[in-house]
Amino acid sequence: MFTPTPVPGPAPTPAGPAPDATVYRLGRRRLRTGLPGTLIMVVAGPLPLVLTAAKGGGSVGSWVFGGVWLLLVGGLGVLMAWALWAGRRSLLAFDAYGVWWRPRGNRQAVLPWQSLAGVGLYWASKGDAKSGHKVMSLELCPYGDVNETDPVLKPLVVRHQPLRPGLPERRYRIAIPMYASRAWGRELAGAAYARAPQLWFGEHEQPSDYMRPLRSSR
């Protein structure tokens, strides 16, 4: 009796980056970079009120100034500290399966290499070109249309000029913060190329405001 050979279905999506993935923990680096200044703001917030109280009180103007200073400086410091902490798990990773993006918390998405038609890096000088400060973005061009139903991928969708003939305008753009581009810019580009050299279209300079706005365009 003939028994047909079962046809294997598509491989299941991994739960996360592979153990040998190249991982860039953007959130941790941002936390280390921004936390000292944020803590200074938090500590400096109540300082005028403390000094006024230490002097045995003061004029009404001193107390009003201290209250306003607390709300502005201290409040801003607390908001910044919360944002840094909330985004501490943010990461970008490359493995044999694809590109992993986690903007914050445990919410993440993956773009398999086999779903992409092109990958590359855009960059622009920030401020004085001699300073060497750059903003960067990883450009990921899918086959067909983008996925705007995934809540993690939807904020990455942009419309921009095609990266090369045959590639779509609508694609995914992952912004690389300046603090991360200073530390990992060249290394990050090399990691993406190493995983999918057949998709790599290179690095291209753009106008300084090319990432504004980062939003979907139909």
N, C-alpha and C. Protein backbone atom coordinates (compact mmCIF):
# COMPACT_ATOMS: atom_id res chain seq x y z
N MET A 1 0.86 -1.20 0.00
CA MET A 1 0.00 0.00 0.00
C MET A 1 0.88 1.24 0.00
N PHE A 2 0.54 2.18 -0.91
CA PHE A 2 1.34 3.40 -1.03
C PHE A 2 1.00 4.38 0.09
N THR A 3 2.05 4.86 0.76
CA THR A 3 1.88 5.86 1.80
C THR A 3 2.55 7.15 1.37
N PRO A 4 1.77 8.20 1.13
CA PRO A 4 2.38 9.45 0.65
C PRO A 4 3.31 10.04 1.69
N THR A 5 4.38 10.64 1.21
CA THR A 5 5.33 11.31 2.10
C THR A 5 4.73 12.64 2.54
N PRO A 6 4.62 12.88 3.83
CA PRO A 6 4.04 14.15 4.28
C PRO A 6 4.89 15.34 3.86
N VAL A 7 4.21 16.39 3.46
CA VAL A 7 4.90 17.62 3.06
C VAL A 7 5.08 18.49 4.29
N PRO A 8 6.32 18.85 4.63
CA PRO A 8 6.53 19.66 5.83
C PRO A 8 5.92 21.05 5.68
N GLY A 9 5.32 21.53 6.73
CA GLY A 9 4.76 22.87 6.71
C GLY A 9 5.83 23.91 7.02
N PRO A 10 5.44 25.16 7.02
CA PRO A 10 6.41 26.21 7.31
C PRO A 10 6.96 26.07 8.73
N ALA A 11 8.23 26.39 8.86
CA ALA A 11 8.86 26.30 10.18
C ALA A 11 8.22 27.31 11.13
N PRO A 12 7.98 26.92 12.37
CA PRO A 12 7.37 27.86 13.31
C PRO A 12 8.30 29.03 13.62
N THR A 13 7.69 30.17 13.92
CA THR A 13 8.49 31.34 14.27
C THR A 13 9.15 31.13 15.63
N PRO A 14 10.45 31.35 15.74
CA PRO A 14 11.11 31.20 17.05
C PRO A 14 10.50 32.15 18.08
N ALA A 15 10.69 31.79 19.34
CA ALA A 15 10.16 32.63 20.43
C ALA A 15 11.00 33.88 20.65
N GLY A 16 12.24 33.84 20.18
CA GLY A 16 13.12 34.98 20.38
C GLY A 16 14.40 34.78 19.62
N PRO A 17 15.32 35.74 19.69
CA PRO A 17 16.60 35.60 18.99
C PRO A 17 17.34 34.34 19.41
N ALA A 18 18.05 33.74 18.47
CA ALA A 18 18.81 32.53 18.74
C ALA A 18 19.95 32.81 19.71
N PRO A 19 20.45 31.77 20.38
CA PRO A 19 21.57 31.97 21.32
C PRO A 19 22.80 32.60 20.68
N ASP A 20 23.00 32.37 19.37
CA ASP A 20 24.17 32.94 18.70
C ASP A 20 23.85 34.25 17.99
N ALA A 21 22.71 34.84 18.29
CA ALA A 21 22.32 36.10 17.65
C ALA A 21 23.26 37.23 18.05
N THR A 22 23.43 38.18 17.14
CA THR A 22 24.14 39.42 17.45
C THR A 22 23.12 40.41 17.99
N VAL A 23 23.24 40.74 19.27
CA VAL A 23 22.21 41.52 19.96
C VAL A 23 22.77 42.89 20.36
N TYR A 24 22.00 43.92 20.08
CA TYR A 24 22.34 45.29 20.48
C TYR A 24 21.26 45.76 21.45
N ARG A 25 21.65 45.85 22.70
CA ARG A 25 20.69 46.22 23.75
C ARG A 25 20.65 47.74 23.86
N LEU A 26 19.83 48.33 23.00
CA LEU A 26 19.74 49.78 22.93
C LEU A 26 19.24 50.39 24.23
N GLY A 27 18.27 49.73 24.86
CA GLY A 27 17.70 50.27 26.09
C GLY A 27 18.69 50.34 27.22
N ARG A 28 19.51 49.32 27.36
CA ARG A 28 20.50 49.33 28.44
C ARG A 28 21.52 50.43 28.25
N ARG A 29 21.95 50.60 26.99
CA ARG A 29 22.94 51.66 26.74
C ARG A 29 22.33 53.03 26.97
N ARG A 30 21.08 53.21 26.55
CA ARG A 30 20.41 54.49 26.78
C ARG A 30 20.26 54.75 28.27
N LEU A 31 19.98 53.70 29.04
CA LEU A 31 19.84 53.85 30.48
C LEU A 31 21.16 54.30 31.10
N ARG A 32 22.26 53.66 30.70
CA ARG A 32 23.57 54.04 31.23
C ARG A 32 23.95 55.46 30.82
N THR A 33 23.59 55.83 29.60
CA THR A 33 23.97 57.15 29.09
C THR A 33 23.14 58.27 29.72
N GLY A 34 21.83 58.03 29.84
CA GLY A 34 20.95 59.10 30.29
C GLY A 34 20.68 59.16 31.77
N LEU A 35 20.94 58.07 32.51
CA LEU A 35 20.57 58.04 33.91
C LEU A 35 21.30 59.06 34.79
N PRO A 36 22.61 59.28 34.63
CA PRO A 36 23.28 60.25 35.50
C PRO A 36 22.67 61.64 35.43
N GLY A 37 22.45 62.15 34.21
CA GLY A 37 21.85 63.48 34.07
C GLY A 37 20.43 63.53 34.60
N THR A 38 19.67 62.44 34.40
CA THR A 38 18.31 62.38 34.90
C THR A 38 18.27 62.42 36.42
N LEU A 39 19.16 61.69 37.06
CA LEU A 39 19.21 61.68 38.52
C LEU A 39 19.58 63.06 39.07
N ILE A 40 20.45 63.75 38.37
CA ILE A 40 20.81 65.12 38.79
C ILE A 40 19.57 66.01 38.77
N MET A 41 18.75 65.88 37.73
CA MET A 41 17.54 66.68 37.65
C MET A 41 16.56 66.33 38.77
N VAL A 42 16.44 65.03 39.07
CA VAL A 42 15.53 64.61 40.14
C VAL A 42 15.98 65.18 41.48
N VAL A 43 17.29 65.13 41.73
CA VAL A 43 17.83 65.65 43.00
C VAL A 43 17.74 67.17 43.05
N ALA A 44 17.97 67.82 41.90
CA ALA A 44 17.95 69.29 41.88
C ALA A 44 16.54 69.85 41.98
N GLY A 45 15.53 69.05 41.68
CA GLY A 45 14.16 69.55 41.70
C GLY A 45 13.75 70.18 43.02
N PRO A 46 13.87 69.47 44.15
CA PRO A 46 13.43 70.05 45.43
C PRO A 46 14.49 70.94 46.10
N LEU A 47 15.64 71.13 45.45
CA LEU A 47 16.74 71.86 46.09
C LEU A 47 16.37 73.28 46.53
N PRO A 48 15.72 74.11 45.69
CA PRO A 48 15.36 75.45 46.15
C PRO A 48 14.45 75.43 47.38
N LEU A 49 13.51 74.49 47.44
CA LEU A 49 12.63 74.41 48.61
C LEU A 49 13.41 73.99 49.85
N VAL A 50 14.36 73.08 49.69
CA VAL A 50 15.18 72.65 50.82
C VAL A 50 16.02 73.81 51.34
N LEU A 51 16.63 74.56 50.43
CA LEU A 51 17.46 75.70 50.84
C LEU A 51 16.62 76.78 51.51
N THR A 52 15.44 77.02 51.00
CA THR A 52 14.55 78.03 51.59
C THR A 52 14.15 77.61 53.00
N ALA A 53 13.82 76.33 53.16
CA ALA A 53 13.45 75.84 54.49
C ALA A 53 14.64 75.86 55.44
N ALA A 54 15.83 75.58 54.95
CA ALA A 54 17.02 75.56 55.79
C ALA A 54 17.37 76.94 56.32
N LYS A 55 16.99 77.97 55.58
CA LYS A 55 17.26 79.34 56.00
C LYS A 55 16.17 79.88 56.93
N GLY A 56 15.29 79.00 57.35
CA GLY A 56 14.24 79.43 58.26
C GLY A 56 13.07 80.06 57.56
N GLY A 57 12.87 79.68 56.33
CA GLY A 57 11.76 80.27 55.57
C GLY A 57 12.24 81.44 54.75
N GLY A 58 11.40 81.95 53.91
CA GLY A 58 11.75 83.07 53.06
C GLY A 58 10.50 83.77 52.59
N SER A 59 10.69 84.59 51.60
CA SER A 59 9.57 85.32 51.04
C SER A 59 8.65 84.39 50.28
N VAL A 60 7.46 84.90 50.04
CA VAL A 60 6.50 84.11 49.26
C VAL A 60 7.07 83.81 47.88
N GLY A 61 7.80 84.77 47.34
CA GLY A 61 8.40 84.57 46.02
C GLY A 61 9.38 83.41 46.00
N SER A 62 10.14 83.25 47.09
CA SER A 62 11.10 82.14 47.17
C SER A 62 10.38 80.81 47.15
N TRP A 63 9.27 80.72 47.90
CA TRP A 63 8.52 79.47 47.94
C TRP A 63 7.84 79.19 46.59
N VAL A 64 7.33 80.24 45.96
CA VAL A 64 6.70 80.05 44.65
C VAL A 64 7.73 79.60 43.62
N PHE A 65 8.90 80.25 43.65
CA PHE A 65 9.96 79.84 42.73
C PHE A 65 10.36 78.39 42.97
N GLY A 66 10.50 78.02 44.24
CA GLY A 66 10.87 76.65 44.57
C GLY A 66 9.85 75.64 44.09
N GLY A 67 8.56 76.00 44.22
CA GLY A 67 7.51 75.09 43.77
C GLY A 67 7.51 74.93 42.26
N VAL A 68 7.67 76.06 41.55
CA VAL A 68 7.71 76.00 40.10
C VAL A 68 8.93 75.20 39.63
N TRP A 69 10.07 75.46 40.27
CA TRP A 69 11.30 74.73 39.93
C TRP A 69 11.13 73.23 40.16
N LEU A 70 10.47 72.86 41.25
CA LEU A 70 10.24 71.45 41.54
C LEU A 70 9.39 70.80 40.46
N LEU A 71 8.32 71.50 40.06
CA LEU A 71 7.44 70.94 39.05
C LEU A 71 8.12 70.80 37.69
N LEU A 72 8.90 71.82 37.32
CA LEU A 72 9.53 71.80 36.01
C LEU A 72 10.73 70.86 35.96
N VAL A 73 11.71 71.11 36.81
CA VAL A 73 12.96 70.34 36.76
C VAL A 73 12.77 68.94 37.35
N GLY A 74 12.20 68.89 38.56
CA GLY A 74 12.00 67.59 39.19
C GLY A 74 11.02 66.72 38.42
N GLY A 75 9.92 67.34 37.98
CA GLY A 75 8.92 66.58 37.22
C GLY A 75 9.48 66.05 35.92
N LEU A 76 10.25 66.89 35.22
CA LEU A 76 10.86 66.45 33.98
C LEU A 76 11.85 65.31 34.23
N GLY A 77 12.61 65.43 35.32
CA GLY A 77 13.55 64.37 35.66
C GLY A 77 12.86 63.05 35.93
N VAL A 78 11.74 63.11 36.64
CA VAL A 78 10.99 61.89 36.93
C VAL A 78 10.43 61.27 35.65
N LEU A 79 9.90 62.10 34.75
CA LEU A 79 9.37 61.58 33.49
C LEU A 79 10.48 60.95 32.65
N MET A 80 11.63 61.60 32.62
CA MET A 80 12.75 61.05 31.85
C MET A 80 13.24 59.74 32.45
N ALA A 81 13.30 59.68 33.78
CA ALA A 81 13.73 58.45 34.44
C ALA A 81 12.75 57.32 34.15
N TRP A 82 11.46 57.62 34.16
CA TRP A 82 10.46 56.60 33.86
C TRP A 82 10.62 56.10 32.43
N ALA A 83 10.84 57.03 31.47
CA ALA A 83 11.00 56.63 30.07
C ALA A 83 12.24 55.76 29.89
N LEU A 84 13.32 56.12 30.56
CA LEU A 84 14.55 55.32 30.46
C LEU A 84 14.32 53.91 31.01
N TRP A 85 13.65 53.83 32.14
CA TRP A 85 13.42 52.53 32.77
C TRP A 85 12.45 51.69 31.94
N ALA A 86 11.41 52.32 31.41
CA ALA A 86 10.42 51.58 30.61
C ALA A 86 11.04 51.01 29.35
N GLY A 87 12.03 51.70 28.79
CA GLY A 87 12.66 51.23 27.56
C GLY A 87 13.94 50.47 27.76
N ARG A 88 14.20 50.01 28.98
CA ARG A 88 15.49 49.37 29.28
C ARG A 88 15.68 48.05 28.54
N ARG A 89 14.59 47.41 28.10
CA ARG A 89 14.69 46.11 27.43
C ARG A 89 14.71 46.24 25.91
N SER A 90 14.72 47.46 25.40
CA SER A 90 14.72 47.66 23.96
C SER A 90 15.97 47.04 23.35
N LEU A 91 15.78 46.35 22.22
CA LEU A 91 16.93 45.72 21.57
C LEU A 91 16.68 45.55 20.07
N LEU A 92 17.78 45.40 19.37
CA LEU A 92 17.79 45.06 17.95
C LEU A 92 18.73 43.88 17.81
N ALA A 93 18.31 42.83 17.13
CA ALA A 93 19.13 41.62 17.04
C ALA A 93 19.05 41.02 15.64
N PHE A 94 20.13 40.35 15.25
CA PHE A 94 20.20 39.66 13.97
C PHE A 94 20.61 38.20 14.23
N ASP A 95 19.85 37.28 13.67
CA ASP A 95 20.25 35.88 13.71
C ASP A 95 19.97 35.25 12.36
N ALA A 96 20.12 33.94 12.26
CA ALA A 96 19.94 33.27 10.99
C ALA A 96 18.50 33.37 10.49
N TYR A 97 17.54 33.59 11.39
CA TYR A 97 16.14 33.65 11.01
C TYR A 97 15.75 35.01 10.45
N GLY A 98 16.21 36.08 11.10
CA GLY A 98 15.82 37.39 10.64
C GLY A 98 16.26 38.52 11.55
N VAL A 99 15.54 39.64 11.45
CA VAL A 99 15.81 40.85 12.22
C VAL A 99 14.78 40.94 13.34
N TRP A 100 15.26 41.03 14.57
CA TRP A 100 14.38 41.12 15.73
C TRP A 100 14.38 42.54 16.26
N TRP A 101 13.17 43.03 16.56
CA TRP A 101 13.03 44.39 17.08
C TRP A 101 12.13 44.36 18.30
N ARG A 102 12.66 44.89 19.41
CA ARG A 102 11.88 45.00 20.65
C ARG A 102 11.96 46.45 21.11
N PRO A 103 10.90 47.24 20.92
CA PRO A 103 10.95 48.66 21.30
C PRO A 103 10.93 48.90 22.80
N ARG A 104 10.22 48.06 23.55
CA ARG A 104 10.17 48.19 25.01
C ARG A 104 9.45 46.97 25.58
N GLY A 105 9.63 46.75 26.89
CA GLY A 105 8.98 45.63 27.54
C GLY A 105 9.31 44.31 26.87
N ASN A 106 8.31 43.44 26.77
CA ASN A 106 8.49 42.14 26.15
C ASN A 106 7.87 42.05 24.77
N ARG A 107 7.31 43.15 24.28
CA ARG A 107 6.70 43.15 22.95
C ARG A 107 7.79 43.20 21.89
N GLN A 108 7.76 42.25 20.97
CA GLN A 108 8.78 42.20 19.95
C GLN A 108 8.18 41.68 18.65
N ALA A 109 8.91 41.90 17.57
CA ALA A 109 8.52 41.41 16.26
C ALA A 109 9.77 40.97 15.53
N VAL A 110 9.59 40.08 14.57
CA VAL A 110 10.72 39.60 13.77
C VAL A 110 10.35 39.69 12.30
N LEU A 111 11.32 40.13 11.50
CA LEU A 111 11.17 40.14 10.06
C LEU A 111 12.12 39.09 9.49
N PRO A 112 11.59 37.95 9.05
CA PRO A 112 12.46 36.90 8.50
C PRO A 112 13.23 37.40 7.28
N TRP A 113 14.45 36.95 7.13
CA TRP A 113 15.24 37.34 5.96
C TRP A 113 14.51 36.96 4.68
N GLN A 114 13.82 35.81 4.67
CA GLN A 114 13.17 35.35 3.47
C GLN A 114 11.97 36.22 3.08
N SER A 115 11.52 37.08 4.00
CA SER A 115 10.41 37.98 3.68
C SER A 115 10.90 39.33 3.16
N LEU A 116 12.21 39.54 3.11
CA LEU A 116 12.77 40.83 2.74
C LEU A 116 13.39 40.78 1.35
N ALA A 117 13.27 41.91 0.64
CA ALA A 117 13.86 42.04 -0.69
C ALA A 117 15.12 42.88 -0.68
N GLY A 118 15.35 43.62 0.40
CA GLY A 118 16.54 44.46 0.49
C GLY A 118 16.73 44.97 1.90
N VAL A 119 17.98 45.15 2.30
CA VAL A 119 18.34 45.65 3.62
C VAL A 119 19.52 46.61 3.47
N GLY A 120 19.50 47.70 4.20
CA GLY A 120 20.60 48.63 4.14
C GLY A 120 20.55 49.64 5.27
N LEU A 121 21.46 50.61 5.20
CA LEU A 121 21.58 51.61 6.27
C LEU A 121 21.56 53.00 5.67
N TYR A 122 20.73 53.86 6.25
CA TYR A 122 20.75 55.28 5.92
C TYR A 122 21.41 56.03 7.07
N TRP A 123 22.09 57.13 6.77
CA TRP A 123 22.69 57.93 7.83
C TRP A 123 22.73 59.39 7.42
N ALA A 124 22.80 60.26 8.42
CA ALA A 124 22.90 61.70 8.18
C ALA A 124 23.70 62.32 9.31
N SER A 125 24.49 63.33 8.97
CA SER A 125 25.25 64.05 9.99
C SER A 125 24.31 64.85 10.86
N LYS A 126 24.61 64.92 12.12
CA LYS A 126 23.80 65.68 13.07
C LYS A 126 24.62 66.86 13.56
N GLY A 127 24.12 68.08 13.27
CA GLY A 127 24.87 69.27 13.66
C GLY A 127 26.07 69.46 12.75
N ASP A 128 27.19 69.89 13.31
CA ASP A 128 28.41 70.12 12.56
C ASP A 128 28.95 68.80 12.04
N ALA A 129 29.19 68.71 10.75
CA ALA A 129 29.69 67.47 10.17
C ALA A 129 31.03 67.07 10.75
N LYS A 130 31.81 68.04 11.22
CA LYS A 130 33.12 67.73 11.78
C LYS A 130 33.01 67.02 13.12
N SER A 131 31.87 67.14 13.78
CA SER A 131 31.71 66.51 15.09
C SER A 131 31.64 65.00 14.99
N GLY A 132 31.27 64.49 13.83
CA GLY A 132 31.16 63.05 13.66
C GLY A 132 29.88 62.45 14.20
N HIS A 133 28.96 63.29 14.71
CA HIS A 133 27.69 62.79 15.24
C HIS A 133 26.75 62.45 14.08
N LYS A 134 26.15 61.28 14.14
CA LYS A 134 25.28 60.83 13.07
C LYS A 134 24.00 60.23 13.63
N VAL A 135 22.94 60.35 12.86
CA VAL A 135 21.73 59.57 13.10
C VAL A 135 21.69 58.51 12.02
N MET A 136 21.20 57.33 12.38
CA MET A 136 21.17 56.22 11.44
C MET A 136 19.82 55.53 11.48
N SER A 137 19.53 54.79 10.45
CA SER A 137 18.32 53.97 10.43
C SER A 137 18.58 52.72 9.60
N LEU A 138 18.04 51.62 10.07
CA LEU A 138 18.10 50.37 9.33
C LEU A 138 16.88 50.30 8.44
N GLU A 139 17.09 50.17 7.14
CA GLU A 139 16.01 50.16 6.15
C GLU A 139 15.74 48.72 5.72
N LEU A 140 14.51 48.27 5.91
CA LEU A 140 14.13 46.88 5.64
C LEU A 140 12.99 46.86 4.63
N CYS A 141 13.27 46.40 3.43
CA CYS A 141 12.28 46.40 2.36
C CYS A 141 11.66 45.02 2.21
N PRO A 142 10.36 44.91 2.41
CA PRO A 142 9.71 43.59 2.31
C PRO A 142 9.36 43.24 0.87
N TYR A 143 9.14 41.95 0.62
CA TYR A 143 8.48 41.54 -0.61
C TYR A 143 7.00 41.90 -0.45
N GLY A 144 6.43 42.51 -1.44
CA GLY A 144 5.03 42.88 -1.33
C GLY A 144 4.84 44.06 -0.41
N ASP A 145 3.67 44.12 0.22
CA ASP A 145 3.34 45.26 1.06
C ASP A 145 3.80 45.02 2.50
N VAL A 146 3.83 46.12 3.27
CA VAL A 146 4.23 46.05 4.66
C VAL A 146 3.08 45.52 5.52
N ASN A 147 3.42 45.11 6.72
CA ASN A 147 2.44 44.59 7.67
C ASN A 147 2.06 45.71 8.64
N GLU A 148 0.86 46.24 8.48
CA GLU A 148 0.41 47.32 9.36
C GLU A 148 -0.58 46.82 10.41
N THR A 149 -0.73 45.52 10.54
CA THR A 149 -1.59 44.96 11.58
C THR A 149 -0.82 44.63 12.84
N ASP A 150 0.49 44.44 12.71
CA ASP A 150 1.33 44.14 13.87
C ASP A 150 1.60 45.43 14.62
N PRO A 151 1.21 45.55 15.90
CA PRO A 151 1.40 46.81 16.64
C PRO A 151 2.86 47.18 16.84
N VAL A 152 3.78 46.21 16.75
CA VAL A 152 5.21 46.53 16.90
C VAL A 152 5.78 47.02 15.58
N LEU A 153 5.33 46.46 14.46
CA LEU A 153 5.86 46.82 13.16
C LEU A 153 5.21 48.08 12.57
N LYS A 154 3.95 48.31 12.90
CA LYS A 154 3.23 49.44 12.29
C LYS A 154 3.94 50.78 12.47
N PRO A 155 4.48 51.11 13.68
CA PRO A 155 5.16 52.41 13.82
C PRO A 155 6.43 52.54 12.99
N LEU A 156 6.94 51.43 12.45
CA LEU A 156 8.17 51.47 11.66
C LEU A 156 7.91 51.73 10.19
N VAL A 157 6.65 51.69 9.74
CA VAL A 157 6.34 51.80 8.33
C VAL A 157 6.50 53.24 7.85
N VAL A 158 7.26 53.42 6.78
CA VAL A 158 7.47 54.73 6.17
C VAL A 158 7.39 54.60 4.66
N ARG A 159 7.22 55.73 4.01
CA ARG A 159 7.32 55.79 2.56
C ARG A 159 8.51 56.69 2.23
N HIS A 160 9.42 56.17 1.44
CA HIS A 160 10.61 56.92 1.05
C HIS A 160 10.99 56.47 -0.35
N GLN A 161 11.90 57.21 -0.96
CA GLN A 161 12.33 56.86 -2.30
C GLN A 161 12.87 55.43 -2.32
N PRO A 162 12.65 54.71 -3.42
CA PRO A 162 13.15 53.33 -3.49
C PRO A 162 14.65 53.27 -3.27
N LEU A 163 15.09 52.24 -2.61
CA LEU A 163 16.51 52.10 -2.31
C LEU A 163 17.31 51.72 -3.54
N ARG A 164 16.68 51.02 -4.46
CA ARG A 164 17.27 50.68 -5.74
C ARG A 164 16.12 50.21 -6.62
N PRO A 165 16.30 50.15 -7.93
CA PRO A 165 15.20 49.73 -8.81
C PRO A 165 14.66 48.36 -8.42
N GLY A 166 13.34 48.28 -8.39
CA GLY A 166 12.69 47.02 -8.06
C GLY A 166 12.30 46.89 -6.60
N LEU A 167 12.76 47.79 -5.73
CA LEU A 167 12.40 47.74 -4.32
C LEU A 167 11.25 48.70 -4.05
N PRO A 168 10.40 48.39 -3.05
CA PRO A 168 9.22 49.22 -2.80
C PRO A 168 9.56 50.52 -2.06
N GLU A 169 8.66 51.49 -2.17
CA GLU A 169 8.80 52.72 -1.40
C GLU A 169 8.41 52.49 0.06
N ARG A 170 7.32 51.78 0.26
CA ARG A 170 6.84 51.52 1.63
C ARG A 170 7.66 50.39 2.24
N ARG A 171 8.25 50.69 3.39
CA ARG A 171 9.14 49.73 4.02
C ARG A 171 9.20 50.00 5.51
N TYR A 172 10.05 49.25 6.19
CA TYR A 172 10.24 49.42 7.63
C TYR A 172 11.53 50.19 7.88
N ARG A 173 11.48 51.10 8.84
CA ARG A 173 12.66 51.88 9.20
C ARG A 173 12.83 51.83 10.71
N ILE A 174 13.95 51.28 11.15
CA ILE A 174 14.28 51.23 12.57
C ILE A 174 15.32 52.30 12.85
N ALA A 175 14.92 53.32 13.59
CA ALA A 175 15.83 54.42 13.91
C ALA A 175 16.87 53.96 14.93
N ILE A 176 18.13 54.25 14.64
CA ILE A 176 19.23 53.94 15.55
C ILE A 176 19.59 55.23 16.28
N PRO A 177 19.35 55.32 17.59
CA PRO A 177 19.63 56.57 18.32
C PRO A 177 21.10 56.97 18.20
N MET A 178 21.38 58.25 18.38
CA MET A 178 22.74 58.75 18.22
C MET A 178 23.70 58.09 19.20
N TYR A 179 23.25 57.89 20.45
CA TYR A 179 24.14 57.26 21.43
C TYR A 179 24.50 55.85 21.02
N ALA A 180 23.60 55.17 20.31
CA ALA A 180 23.88 53.81 19.84
C ALA A 180 24.71 53.83 18.56
N SER A 181 24.46 54.80 17.69
CA SER A 181 25.23 54.86 16.45
C SER A 181 26.69 55.18 16.73
N ARG A 182 26.96 55.99 17.76
CA ARG A 182 28.36 56.27 18.12
C ARG A 182 29.08 55.00 18.57
N ALA A 183 28.36 54.15 19.29
CA ALA A 183 28.99 52.94 19.83
C ALA A 183 29.01 51.79 18.84
N TRP A 184 27.94 51.66 18.03
CA TRP A 184 27.78 50.44 17.24
C TRP A 184 27.55 50.68 15.75
N GLY A 185 27.63 51.91 15.29
CA GLY A 185 27.24 52.20 13.91
C GLY A 185 27.83 51.25 12.89
N ARG A 186 29.15 51.22 12.77
CA ARG A 186 29.80 50.39 11.78
C ARG A 186 29.61 48.90 12.10
N GLU A 187 29.69 48.57 13.38
CA GLU A 187 29.53 47.17 13.79
C GLU A 187 28.13 46.67 13.47
N LEU A 188 27.13 47.51 13.70
CA LEU A 188 25.74 47.11 13.45
C LEU A 188 25.53 46.86 11.96
N ALA A 189 26.07 47.73 11.12
CA ALA A 189 25.94 47.53 9.68
C ALA A 189 26.62 46.24 9.26
N GLY A 190 27.79 45.97 9.83
CA GLY A 190 28.50 44.75 9.50
C GLY A 190 27.75 43.50 9.93
N ALA A 191 27.07 43.58 11.08
CA ALA A 191 26.30 42.42 11.57
C ALA A 191 25.13 42.12 10.65
N ALA A 192 24.44 43.15 10.18
CA ALA A 192 23.32 42.93 9.26
C ALA A 192 23.82 42.36 7.94
N TYR A 193 24.92 42.89 7.45
CA TYR A 193 25.47 42.39 6.19
C TYR A 193 25.91 40.94 6.31
N ALA A 194 26.53 40.59 7.44
CA ALA A 194 27.03 39.23 7.62
C ALA A 194 25.91 38.20 7.60
N ARG A 195 24.72 38.58 8.09
CA ARG A 195 23.61 37.64 8.14
C ARG A 195 22.89 37.50 6.80
N ALA A 196 22.88 38.58 6.00
CA ALA A 196 22.14 38.53 4.73
C ALA A 196 22.87 39.34 3.67
N PRO A 197 24.06 38.90 3.26
CA PRO A 197 24.82 39.68 2.27
C PRO A 197 24.09 39.82 0.93
N GLN A 198 23.25 38.84 0.60
CA GLN A 198 22.54 38.88 -0.68
C GLN A 198 21.47 39.96 -0.72
N LEU A 199 21.06 40.46 0.45
CA LEU A 199 20.04 41.50 0.53
C LEU A 199 20.63 42.90 0.71
N TRP A 200 21.89 42.98 1.05
CA TRP A 200 22.48 44.24 1.47
C TRP A 200 22.66 45.19 0.29
N PHE A 201 22.16 46.43 0.41
CA PHE A 201 22.31 47.42 -0.64
C PHE A 201 23.27 48.54 -0.25
N GLY A 202 23.86 48.44 0.93
CA GLY A 202 24.90 49.38 1.32
C GLY A 202 24.43 50.46 2.27
N GLU A 203 25.31 51.45 2.48
CA GLU A 203 25.05 52.60 3.34
C GLU A 203 24.95 53.84 2.47
N HIS A 204 23.95 54.69 2.77
CA HIS A 204 23.70 55.85 1.93
C HIS A 204 23.44 57.08 2.79
N GLU A 205 24.12 58.16 2.47
CA GLU A 205 23.92 59.42 3.19
C GLU A 205 22.61 60.06 2.75
N GLN A 206 21.92 60.69 3.72
CA GLN A 206 20.64 61.33 3.48
C GLN A 206 20.65 62.75 4.03
N PRO A 207 19.67 63.59 3.67
CA PRO A 207 19.56 64.91 4.29
C PRO A 207 19.39 64.79 5.79
N SER A 208 19.80 65.83 6.52
CA SER A 208 19.80 65.76 7.98
C SER A 208 18.43 65.52 8.58
N ASP A 209 17.36 65.89 7.86
CA ASP A 209 16.00 65.74 8.41
C ASP A 209 15.25 64.57 7.79
N TYR A 210 15.97 63.59 7.24
CA TYR A 210 15.28 62.55 6.48
C TYR A 210 14.39 61.67 7.35
N MET A 211 14.65 61.62 8.66
CA MET A 211 13.82 60.77 9.52
C MET A 211 12.64 61.53 10.11
N ARG A 212 12.34 62.71 9.62
CA ARG A 212 11.19 63.45 10.13
C ARG A 212 10.15 63.60 9.03
N PRO A 213 8.91 63.13 9.24
CA PRO A 213 8.46 62.36 10.41
C PRO A 213 8.62 60.87 10.17
N LEU A 214 8.75 60.12 11.24
CA LEU A 214 8.81 58.67 11.16
C LEU A 214 7.38 58.14 11.29
N ARG A 215 6.65 58.08 10.24
CA ARG A 215 5.26 57.65 10.32
C ARG A 215 4.87 56.95 9.03
N SER A 216 3.75 56.26 9.10
CA SER A 216 3.27 55.56 7.92
C SER A 216 2.72 56.55 6.89
N SER A 217 2.97 56.28 5.64
CA SER A 217 2.44 57.12 4.56
C SER A 217 1.85 56.22 3.50
N ARG A 218 0.59 56.37 3.25
CA ARG A 218 -0.09 55.50 2.29
C ARG A 218 0.11 56.04 0.87
